Amino acid sequence: MHTAEIKKMELINKIAKLPEKNIHEVDSYIQKILLQLKFEKPKPVSLKGIWKNKGFEKITNLDAEIKKNRDELNDSILKKAL
């Protein structure tokens, strides 16, 4: 692992040990640092057409197929829970 990644994990572990009253102080400090860095806002990405030509257009009743799959998954989960 890179040293920066290890350091971030160590910081997360330290923050997890803080009492609740000190979390706000840490958050405020981090927000101040982030404001100084002036990040560019990420550009919106469109997911339009992501499922095009994946075979879904061949399904005549997509809503019914989704319901059937959800019911099967629900039954499977319930069987495992018992």
PDB file of N, CA and C in Angstrom:
ATOM      1  N   MET A   1       0.836  -1.193   0.000  1.00  0.00           N
ATOM      2  CA  MET A   1       0.000   0.000   0.000  1.00  0.00           C
ATOM      3  C   MET A   1       0.874   1.247   0.000  1.00  0.00           C
ATOM      4  N   HIS A   2       0.322   2.299  -0.546  1.00  0.00           N
ATOM      5  CA  HIS A   2       1.033   3.562  -0.546  1.00  0.00           C
ATOM      6  C   HIS A   2       0.951   4.181   0.840  1.00  0.00           C
ATOM      7  N   THR A   3       1.948   4.965   1.156  1.00  0.00           N
ATOM      8  CA  THR A   3       1.987   5.555   2.492  1.00  0.00           C
ATOM      9  C   THR A   3       0.815   6.509   2.726  1.00  0.00           C
ATOM     10  N   ALA A   4       0.360   7.205   1.687  1.00  0.00           N
ATOM     11  CA  ALA A   4      -0.779   8.112   1.851  1.00  0.00           C
ATOM     12  C   ALA A   4      -2.039   7.323   2.199  1.00  0.00           C
ATOM     13  N   GLU A   5      -2.236   6.173   1.561  1.00  0.00           N
ATOM     14  CA  GLU A   5      -3.406   5.350   1.856  1.00  0.00           C
ATOM     15  C   GLU A   5      -3.355   4.823   3.281  1.00  0.00           C
ATOM     16  N   ILE A   6      -2.184   4.413   3.715  1.00  0.00           N
ATOM     17  CA  ILE A   6      -2.019   3.913   5.085  1.00  0.00           C
ATOM     18  C   ILE A   6      -2.309   5.034   6.080  1.00  0.00           C
ATOM     19  N   LYS A   7      -1.809   6.223   5.787  1.00  0.00           N
ATOM     20  CA  LYS A   7      -2.031   7.364   6.675  1.00  0.00           C
ATOM     21  C   LYS A   7      -3.518   7.707   6.771  1.00  0.00           C
ATOM     22  N   LYS A   8      -4.227   7.645   5.635  1.00  0.00           N
ATOM     23  CA  LYS A   8      -5.661   7.907   5.654  1.00  0.00           C
ATOM     24  C   LYS A   8      -6.401   6.885   6.508  1.00  0.00           C
ATOM     25  N   MET A   9      -6.022   5.619   6.398  1.00  0.00           N
ATOM     26  CA  MET A   9      -6.654   4.574   7.211  1.00  0.00           C
ATOM     27  C   MET A   9      -6.370   4.802   8.690  1.00  0.00           C
ATOM     28  N   GLU A  10      -5.149   5.224   9.018  1.00  0.00           N
ATOM     29  CA  GLU A  10      -4.813   5.518  10.409  1.00  0.00           C
ATOM     30  C   GLU A  10      -5.651   6.684  10.932  1.00  0.00           C
ATOM     31  N   LEU A  11      -5.838   7.708  10.101  1.00  0.00           N
ATOM     32  CA  LEU A  11      -6.655   8.848  10.507  1.00  0.00           C
ATOM     33  C   LEU A  11      -8.106   8.436  10.743  1.00  0.00           C
ATOM     34  N   ILE A  12      -8.620   7.589   9.868  1.00  0.00           N
ATOM     35  CA  ILE A  12     -10.000   7.111  10.034  1.00  0.00           C
ATOM     36  C   ILE A  12     -10.144   6.351  11.345  1.00  0.00           C
ATOM     37  N   ASN A  13      -9.165   5.523  11.654  1.00  0.00           N
ATOM     38  CA  ASN A  13      -9.200   4.768  12.917  1.00  0.00           C
ATOM     39  C   ASN A  13      -9.136   5.703  14.119  1.00  0.00           C
ATOM     40  N   LYS A  14      -8.320   6.736  14.024  1.00  0.00           N
ATOM     41  CA  LYS A  14      -8.220   7.693  15.128  1.00  0.00           C
ATOM     42  C   LYS A  14      -9.522   8.474  15.303  1.00  0.00           C
ATOM     43  N   ILE A  15     -10.112   8.879  14.184  1.00  0.00           N
ATOM     44  CA  ILE A  15     -11.379   9.619  14.249  1.00  0.00           C
ATOM     45  C   ILE A  15     -12.470   8.755  14.863  1.00  0.00           C
ATOM     46  N   ALA A  16     -12.456   7.466  14.553  1.00  0.00           N
ATOM     47  CA  ALA A  16     -13.460   6.552  15.099  1.00  0.00           C
ATOM     48  C   ALA A  16     -13.365   6.452  16.623  1.00  0.00           C
ATOM     49  N   LYS A  17     -12.196   6.710  17.166  1.00  0.00           N
ATOM     50  CA  LYS A  17     -12.000   6.620  18.618  1.00  0.00           C
ATOM     51  C   LYS A  17     -12.370   7.912  19.347  1.00  0.00           C
ATOM     52  N   LEU A  18     -12.588   8.986  18.595  1.00  0.00           N
ATOM     53  CA  LEU A  18     -12.904  10.275  19.226  1.00  0.00           C
ATOM     54  C   LEU A  18     -14.277  10.258  19.888  1.00  0.00           C
ATOM     55  N   PRO A  19     -14.419  11.003  20.979  1.00  0.00           N
ATOM     56  CA  PRO A  19     -15.752  11.159  21.561  1.00  0.00           C
ATOM     57  C   PRO A  19     -16.629  11.976  20.613  1.00  0.00           C
ATOM     58  N   GLU A  20     -17.918  11.796  20.738  1.00  0.00           N
ATOM     59  CA  GLU A  20     -18.865  12.439  19.823  1.00  0.00           C
ATOM     60  C   GLU A  20     -18.727  13.960  19.817  1.00  0.00           C
ATOM     61  N   LYS A  21     -18.421  14.552  20.962  1.00  0.00           N
ATOM     62  CA  LYS A  21     -18.343  16.016  21.038  1.00  0.00           C
ATOM     63  C   LYS A  21     -17.175  16.582  20.225  1.00  0.00           C
ATOM     64  N   ASN A  22     -16.157  15.785  19.944  1.00  0.00           N
ATOM     65  CA  ASN A  22     -15.001  16.267  19.198  1.00  0.00           C
ATOM     66  C   ASN A  22     -15.104  16.038  17.691  1.00  0.00           C
ATOM     67  N   ILE A  23     -16.059  15.270  17.256  1.00  0.00           N
ATOM     68  CA  ILE A  23     -16.212  14.985  15.833  1.00  0.00           C
ATOM     69  C   ILE A  23     -16.470  16.277  15.056  1.00  0.00           C
ATOM     70  N   HIS A  24     -17.270  17.174  15.626  1.00  0.00           N
ATOM     71  CA  HIS A  24     -17.581  18.436  14.953  1.00  0.00           C
ATOM     72  C   HIS A  24     -16.310  19.260  14.726  1.00  0.00           C
ATOM     73  N   GLU A  25     -15.410  19.263  15.696  1.00  0.00           N
ATOM     74  CA  GLU A  25     -14.158  20.013  15.558  1.00  0.00           C
ATOM     75  C   GLU A  25     -13.331  19.474  14.398  1.00  0.00           C
ATOM     76  N   VAL A  26     -13.235  18.160  14.302  1.00  0.00           N
ATOM     77  CA  VAL A  26     -12.474  17.533  13.225  1.00  0.00           C
ATOM     78  C   VAL A  26     -13.113  17.849  11.881  1.00  0.00           C
ATOM     79  N   ASP A  27     -14.437  17.768  11.828  1.00  0.00           N
ATOM     80  CA  ASP A  27     -15.147  18.054  10.589  1.00  0.00           C
ATOM     81  C   ASP A  27     -14.904  19.505  10.156  1.00  0.00           C
ATOM     82  N   SER A  28     -14.977  20.435  11.082  1.00  0.00           N
ATOM     83  CA  SER A  28     -14.738  21.847  10.762  1.00  0.00           C
ATOM     84  C   SER A  28     -13.325  22.060  10.230  1.00  0.00           C
ATOM     85  N   TYR A  29     -12.363  21.418  10.855  1.00  0.00           N
ATOM     86  CA  TYR A  29     -10.967  21.544  10.421  1.00  0.00           C
ATOM     87  C   TYR A  29     -10.777  20.996   9.004  1.00  0.00           C
ATOM     88  N   ILE A  30     -11.363  19.852   8.747  1.00  0.00           N
ATOM     89  CA  ILE A  30     -11.249  19.243   7.420  1.00  0.00           C
ATOM     90  C   ILE A  30     -11.939  20.116   6.377  1.00  0.00           C
ATOM     91  N   GLN A  31     -13.098  20.680   6.716  1.00  0.00           N
ATOM     92  CA  GLN A  31     -13.804  21.565   5.783  1.00  0.00           C
ATOM     93  C   GLN A  31     -12.959  22.789   5.434  1.00  0.00           C
ATOM     94  N   LYS A  32     -12.255  23.348   6.421  1.00  0.00           N
ATOM     95  CA  LYS A  32     -11.384  24.507   6.168  1.00  0.00           C
ATOM     96  C   LYS A  32     -10.269  24.130   5.195  1.00  0.00           C
ATOM     97  N   ILE A  33      -9.676  22.977   5.388  1.00  0.00           N
ATOM     98  CA  ILE A  33      -8.608  22.523   4.498  1.00  0.00           C
ATOM     99  C   ILE A  33      -9.144  22.328   3.086  1.00  0.00           C
ATOM    100  N   LEU A  34     -10.315  21.713   2.967  1.00  0.00           N
ATOM    101  CA  LEU A  34     -10.901  21.459   1.649  1.00  0.00           C
ATOM    102  C   LEU A  34     -11.247  22.764   0.928  1.00  0.00           C
ATOM    103  N   LEU A  35     -11.713  23.773   1.671  1.00  0.00           N
ATOM    104  CA  LEU A  35     -12.026  25.061   1.053  1.00  0.00           C
ATOM    105  C   LEU A  35     -10.773  25.731   0.495  1.00  0.00           C
ATOM    106  N   GLN A  36      -9.645  25.536   1.152  1.00  0.00           N
ATOM    107  CA  GLN A  36      -8.396  26.124   0.692  1.00  0.00           C
ATOM    108  C   GLN A  36      -7.902  25.465  -0.596  1.00  0.00           C
ATOM    109  N   LEU A  37      -8.250  24.204  -0.803  1.00  0.00           N
ATOM    110  CA  LEU A  37      -7.770  23.483  -1.977  1.00  0.00           C
ATOM    111  C   LEU A  37      -8.509  23.870  -3.251  1.00  0.00           C
ATOM    112  N   LYS A  38      -9.723  24.384  -3.136  1.00  0.00           N
ATOM    113  CA  LYS A  38     -10.529  24.835  -4.269  1.00  0.00           C
ATOM    114  C   LYS A  38     -10.649  23.765  -5.351  1.00  0.00           C
ATOM    115  N   PHE A  39     -11.325  22.685  -5.018  1.00  0.00           N
ATOM    116  CA  PHE A  39     -11.577  21.611  -5.967  1.00  0.00           C
ATOM    117  C   PHE A  39     -12.509  22.077  -7.073  1.00  0.00           C
ATOM    118  N   GLU A  40     -12.309  21.544  -8.258  1.00  0.00           N
ATOM    119  CA  GLU A  40     -13.258  21.798  -9.333  1.00  0.00           C
ATOM    120  C   GLU A  40     -14.456  20.890  -9.124  1.00  0.00           C
ATOM    121  N   LYS A  41     -15.645  21.439  -9.387  1.00  0.00           N
ATOM    122  CA  LYS A  41     -16.843  20.623  -9.254  1.00  0.00           C
ATOM    123  C   LYS A  41     -16.841  19.585 -10.364  1.00  0.00           C
ATOM    124  N   PRO A  42     -17.167  18.339 -10.025  1.00  0.00           N
ATOM    125  CA  PRO A  42     -17.201  17.315 -11.078  1.00  0.00           C
ATOM    126  C   PRO A  42     -18.303  17.610 -12.082  1.00  0.00           C
ATOM    127  N   LYS A  43     -18.005  17.347 -13.335  1.00  0.00           N
ATOM    128  CA  LYS A  43     -18.988  17.570 -14.385  1.00  0.00           C
ATOM    129  C   LYS A  43     -20.026  16.460 -14.335  1.00  0.00           C
ATOM    130  N   PRO A  44     -21.298  16.810 -14.537  1.00  0.00           N
ATOM    131  CA  PRO A  44     -22.334  15.773 -14.529  1.00  0.00           C
ATOM    132  C   PRO A  44     -22.113  14.783 -15.676  1.00  0.00           C
ATOM    133  N   VAL A  45     -22.363  13.523 -15.380  1.00  0.00           N
ATOM    134  CA  VAL A  45     -22.203  12.472 -16.377  1.00  0.00           C
ATOM    135  C   VAL A  45     -23.570  11.872 -16.654  1.00  0.00           C
ATOM    136  N   SER A  46     -23.902  11.754 -17.909  1.00  0.00           N
ATOM    137  CA  SER A  46     -25.182  11.176 -18.290  1.00  0.00           C
ATOM    138  C   SER A  46     -25.045   9.666 -18.448  1.00  0.00           C
ATOM    139  N   LEU A  47     -25.990   8.941 -17.896  1.00  0.00           N
ATOM    140  CA  LEU A  47     -26.012   7.487 -18.041  1.00  0.00           C
ATOM    141  C   LEU A  47     -27.010   7.060 -19.109  1.00  0.00           C
ATOM    142  N   LYS A  48     -27.482   8.037 -19.860  1.00  0.00           N
ATOM    143  CA  LYS A  48     -28.464   7.750 -20.909  1.00  0.00           C
ATOM    144  C   LYS A  48     -27.861   6.773 -21.920  1.00  0.00           C
ATOM    145  N   GLY A  49     -28.603   5.728 -22.193  1.00  0.00           N
ATOM    146  CA  GLY A  49     -28.179   4.743 -23.190  1.00  0.00           C
ATOM    147  C   GLY A  49     -27.243   3.678 -22.663  1.00  0.00           C
ATOM    148  N   ILE A  50     -27.006   3.646 -21.357  1.00  0.00           N
ATOM    149  CA  ILE A  50     -26.049   2.691 -20.801  1.00  0.00           C
ATOM    150  C   ILE A  50     -26.500   1.235 -21.004  1.00  0.00           C
ATOM    151  N   TRP A  51     -27.803   0.999 -21.056  1.00  0.00           N
ATOM    152  CA  TRP A  51     -28.317  -0.367 -21.211  1.00  0.00           C
ATOM    153  C   TRP A  51     -28.721  -0.679 -22.653  1.00  0.00           C
ATOM    154  N   LYS A  52     -28.431   0.227 -23.562  1.00  0.00           N
ATOM    155  CA  LYS A  52     -28.813   0.028 -24.959  1.00  0.00           C
ATOM    156  C   LYS A  52     -28.051  -1.161 -25.552  1.00  0.00           C
ATOM    157  N   ASN A  53     -28.765  -1.983 -26.313  1.00  0.00           N
ATOM    158  CA  ASN A  53     -28.199  -3.161 -26.987  1.00  0.00           C
ATOM    159  C   ASN A  53     -27.616  -4.191 -26.015  1.00  0.00           C
ATOM    160  N   LYS A  54     -28.195  -4.294 -24.830  1.00  0.00           N
ATOM    161  CA  LYS A  54     -27.754  -5.287 -23.846  1.00  0.00           C
ATOM    162  C   LYS A  54     -28.720  -6.461 -23.759  1.00  0.00           C
ATOM    163  N   GLY A  55     -29.789  -6.440 -24.571  1.00  0.00           N
ATOM    164  CA  GLY A  55     -30.727  -7.544 -24.591  1.00  0.00           C
ATOM    165  C   GLY A  55     -32.060  -7.251 -23.933  1.00  0.00           C
ATOM    166  N   PHE A  56     -32.158  -6.140 -23.230  1.00  0.00           N
ATOM    167  CA  PHE A  56     -33.405  -5.818 -22.546  1.00  0.00           C
ATOM    168  C   PHE A  56     -34.523  -5.497 -23.533  1.00  0.00           C
ATOM    169  N   GLU A  57     -34.156  -5.019 -24.714  1.00  0.00           N
ATOM    170  CA  GLU A  57     -35.185  -4.682 -25.700  1.00  0.00           C
ATOM    171  C   GLU A  57     -35.883  -5.920 -26.237  1.00  0.00           C
ATOM    172  N   LYS A  58     -35.309  -7.106 -26.020  1.00  0.00           N
ATOM    173  CA  LYS A  58     -35.913  -8.365 -26.462  1.00  0.00           C
ATOM    174  C   LYS A  58     -37.000  -8.854 -25.497  1.00  0.00           C
ATOM    175  N   ILE A  59     -37.020  -8.327 -24.289  1.00  0.00           N
ATOM    176  CA  ILE A  59     -38.014  -8.731 -23.288  1.00  0.00           C
ATOM    177  C   ILE A  59     -39.306  -7.976 -23.574  1.00  0.00           C
ATOM    178  N   THR A  60     -40.382  -8.737 -23.812  1.00  0.00           N
ATOM    179  CA  THR A  60     -41.651  -8.100 -24.204  1.00  0.00           C
ATOM    180  C   THR A  60     -42.306  -7.354 -23.053  1.00  0.00           C
ATOM    181  N   ASN A  61     -42.310  -7.946 -21.845  1.00  0.00           N
ATOM    182  CA  ASN A  61     -42.938  -7.296 -20.700  1.00  0.00           C
ATOM    183  C   ASN A  61     -41.873  -7.153 -19.607  1.00  0.00           C
ATOM    184  N   LEU A  62     -41.101  -6.086 -19.699  1.00  0.00           N
ATOM    185  CA  LEU A  62     -39.968  -5.881 -18.798  1.00  0.00           C
ATOM    186  C   LEU A  62     -40.418  -5.736 -17.345  1.00  0.00           C
ATOM    187  N   ASP A  63     -41.497  -5.005 -17.101  1.00  0.00           N
ATOM    188  CA  ASP A  63     -41.982  -4.806 -15.730  1.00  0.00           C
ATOM    189  C   ASP A  63     -42.344  -6.134 -15.067  1.00  0.00           C
ATOM    190  N   ALA A  64     -43.032  -7.008 -15.810  1.00  0.00           N
ATOM    191  CA  ALA A  64     -43.415  -8.311 -15.259  1.00  0.00           C
ATOM    192  C   ALA A  64     -42.181  -9.163 -14.993  1.00  0.00           C
ATOM    193  N   GLU A  65     -41.198  -9.080 -15.865  1.00  0.00           N
ATOM    194  CA  GLU A  65     -39.964  -9.853 -15.687  1.00  0.00           C
ATOM    195  C   GLU A  65     -39.200  -9.374 -14.454  1.00  0.00           C
ATOM    196  N   ILE A  66     -39.143  -8.074 -14.250  1.00  0.00           N
ATOM    197  CA  ILE A  66     -38.481  -7.524 -13.063  1.00  0.00           C
ATOM    198  C   ILE A  66     -39.206  -7.970 -11.799  1.00  0.00           C
ATOM    199  N   LYS A  67     -40.530  -7.916 -11.806  1.00  0.00           N
ATOM    200  CA  LYS A  67     -41.313  -8.351 -10.641  1.00  0.00           C
ATOM    201  C   LYS A  67     -41.055  -9.819 -10.342  1.00  0.00           C
ATOM    202  N   LYS A  68     -41.027 -10.649 -11.385  1.00  0.00           N
ATOM    203  CA  LYS A  68     -40.777 -12.077 -11.202  1.00  0.00           C
ATOM    204  C   LYS A  68     -39.395 -12.311 -10.580  1.00  0.00           C
ATOM    205  N   ASN A  69     -38.394 -11.607 -11.084  1.00  0.00           N
ATOM    206  CA  ASN A  69     -37.038 -11.760 -10.544  1.00  0.00           C
ATOM    207  C   ASN A  69     -36.944 -11.276  -9.102  1.00  0.00           C
ATOM    208  N   ARG A  70     -37.633 -10.199  -8.787  1.00  0.00           N
ATOM    209  CA  ARG A  70     -37.625  -9.705  -7.405  1.00  0.00           C
ATOM    210  C   ARG A  70     -38.289 -10.712  -6.465  1.00  0.00           C
ATOM    211  N   ASP A  71     -39.386 -11.304  -6.917  1.00  0.00           N
ATOM    212  CA  ASP A  71     -40.074 -12.301  -6.101  1.00  0.00           C
ATOM    213  C   ASP A  71     -39.176 -13.522  -5.863  1.00  0.00           C
ATOM    214  N   GLU A  72     -38.496 -13.974  -6.916  1.00  0.00           N
ATOM    215  CA  GLU A  72     -37.584 -15.114  -6.778  1.00  0.00           C
ATOM    216  C   GLU A  72     -36.454 -14.792  -5.806  1.00  0.00           C
ATOM    217  N   LEU A  73     -35.899 -13.595  -5.917  1.00  0.00           N
ATOM    218  CA  LEU A  73     -34.819 -13.187  -5.024  1.00  0.00           C
ATOM    219  C   LEU A  73     -35.321 -13.093  -3.585  1.00  0.00           C
ATOM    220  N   ASN A  74     -36.504 -12.547  -3.396  1.00  0.00           N
ATOM    221  CA  ASN A  74     -37.102 -12.436  -2.071  1.00  0.00           C
ATOM    222  C   ASN A  74     -37.301 -13.820  -1.452  1.00  0.00           C
ATOM    223  N   ASP A  75     -37.831 -14.761  -2.234  1.00  0.00           N
ATOM    224  CA  ASP A  75     -38.028 -16.115  -1.735  1.00  0.00           C
ATOM    225  C   ASP A  75     -36.701 -16.757  -1.363  1.00  0.00           C
ATOM    226  N   SER A  76     -35.705 -16.550  -2.183  1.00  0.00           N
ATOM    227  CA  SER A  76     -34.383 -17.119  -1.922  1.00  0.00           C
ATOM    228  C   SER A  76     -33.805 -16.578  -0.617  1.00  0.00           C
ATOM    229  N   ILE A  77     -33.946 -15.273  -0.402  1.00  0.00           N
ATOM    230  CA  ILE A  77     -33.436 -14.651   0.830  1.00  0.00           C
ATOM    231  C   ILE A  77     -34.186 -15.180   2.043  1.00  0.00           C
ATOM    232  N   LEU A  78     -35.498 -15.326   1.926  1.00  0.00           N
ATOM    233  CA  LEU A  78     -36.289 -15.825   3.053  1.00  0.00           C
ATOM    234  C   LEU A  78     -35.916 -17.257   3.391  1.00  0.00           C
ATOM    235  N   LYS A  79     -35.658 -18.074   2.388  1.00  0.00           N
ATOM    236  CA  LYS A  79     -35.257 -19.463   2.639  1.00  0.00           C
ATOM    237  C   LYS A  79     -33.932 -19.536   3.378  1.00  0.00           C
ATOM    238  N   LYS A  80     -33.000 -18.647   3.024  1.00  0.00           N
ATOM    239  CA  LYS A  80     -31.695 -18.629   3.675  1.00  0.00           C
ATOM    240  C   LYS A  80     -31.823 -18.163   5.127  1.00  0.00           C
ATOM    241  N   ALA A  81     -32.771 -17.275   5.386  1.00  0.00           N
ATOM    242  CA  ALA A  81     -32.941 -16.728   6.729  1.00  0.00           C
ATOM    243  C   ALA A  81     -33.533 -17.760   7.685  1.00  0.00           C
ATOM    244  N   LEU A  82     -34.260 -18.705   7.135  1.00  0.00           N
ATOM    245  CA  LEU A  82     -34.899 -19.700   7.997  1.00  0.00           C
ATOM    246  C   LEU A  82     -33.973 -20.796   8.290  1.00  0.00           C
TER     247      LEU A  82
END
